[in-house]
Protein backbone atom coordinates (compact mmCIF):
# COMPACT_ATOMS: atom_id res chain seq x y z
CA MET A 1 0.00 0.00 0.00
CA GLU A 2 2.90 2.33 0.64
CA LYS A 3 3.99 1.92 -2.98
CA PHE A 4 0.66 3.36 -4.11
CA PHE A 5 1.17 6.41 -1.94
CA TYR A 6 4.66 6.84 -3.36
CA TYR A 7 3.42 6.69 -6.97
CA ALA A 8 0.09 8.47 -6.36
CA PRO A 9 1.17 11.84 -7.81
CA LEU A 10 2.43 10.15 -10.97
CA ILE A 11 -0.74 8.08 -11.30
CA ILE A 12 -2.89 11.17 -10.86
CA ALA A 13 -0.81 13.07 -13.42
CA VAL A 14 -1.21 10.25 -15.94
CA PHE A 15 -4.99 10.12 -15.40
CA ILE A 16 -5.22 13.89 -15.81
CA PHE A 17 -3.22 13.62 -19.04
CA PHE A 18 -5.59 10.95 -20.34
CA ILE A 19 -8.63 13.03 -19.44
CA GLN A 20 -7.22 16.28 -20.84
CA PHE A 21 -6.18 14.85 -24.19
CA ARG A 22 -9.20 12.54 -24.40
CA VAL A 23 -7.16 9.41 -24.96
CA PHE A 24 -10.12 7.23 -24.05
CA VAL A 25 -13.64 7.79 -25.32
CA THR A 26 -16.96 6.84 -23.85
CA PRO A 27 -19.38 4.60 -25.73
CA GLU A 28 -21.70 7.59 -26.18
CA GLN A 29 -18.96 9.63 -27.85
CA LEU A 30 -18.07 6.69 -30.05
CA GLU A 31 -21.70 6.20 -31.11
CA LYS A 32 -22.07 9.91 -31.89
CA LYS A 33 -18.96 9.90 -34.07
CA HIS A 34 -20.16 6.71 -35.78
CA ARG A 35 -23.45 8.41 -36.69
CA GLU A 36 -21.57 11.44 -38.05
CA VAL A 37 -19.38 9.24 -40.24
CA ILE A 38 -22.38 7.33 -41.60
CA THR A 39 -24.18 10.59 -42.40
CA GLU A 40 -21.14 11.97 -44.23
CA CYS A 41 -20.78 8.75 -46.21
CA LYS A 42 -24.42 8.85 -47.28
CA LEU A 43 -23.95 12.41 -48.54
CA GLU A 44 -20.71 11.83 -50.43
CA PHE A 45 -20.94 8.28 -51.79
CA SER A 46 -23.44 6.51 -54.01
CA PRO A 47 -24.97 3.17 -53.14
CA ARG A 48 -23.48 0.21 -54.95
CA THR A 49 -26.80 -0.71 -56.58
CA LEU A 50 -27.08 2.73 -58.16
CA VAL A 51 -23.54 2.55 -59.52
CA THR A 52 -24.03 -0.90 -61.04
CA ASP A 53 -27.32 0.23 -62.60
CA LEU A 54 -25.60 3.24 -64.16
CA LYS A 55 -22.80 1.03 -65.49
CA GLU A 56 -25.34 -1.28 -67.13
CA ARG A 57 -27.10 1.69 -68.71
CA LEU A 58 -23.82 3.04 -70.03
CA ASP A 59 -22.96 -0.35 -71.49
CA ARG A 60 -26.33 -0.47 -73.26
CA MET A 61 -25.84 3.05 -74.56
CA GLU A 62 -22.40 2.14 -75.85
CA GLU A 63 -23.83 -0.85 -77.70
CA LYS A 64 -26.51 1.31 -79.28
CA ILE A 65 -23.98 3.94 -80.33
CA ASP A 66 -21.79 1.23 -81.86
CA LYS A 67 -24.77 -0.10 -83.80
CA LEU A 68 -25.62 3.38 -85.04
CA LEU A 69 -22.04 3.99 -86.13
CA ASN A 70 -21.96 0.67 -87.94
CA ASN A 71 -25.19 1.50 -89.76
CA ILE A 72 -23.93 4.95 -90.73
CA THR A 73 -20.58 3.72 -92.06
CA ARG A 74 -22.15 1.03 -94.27
């Protein structure tokens, strides 16, 4: 027990450092940040289904353009 009293100021200083610089987060803070990240992702990125649908449409358009070009050059 005397060792704890000897190192008590150091232990308190380390805990204050952790609290001041927010080394550890609470589950509430983590959940809040998680929601923020999800919201930002929804605003900036497209869903995979939409991207694949657009790719399929572009492929179809490319085929139609190729057909038109073939018919024009004949």
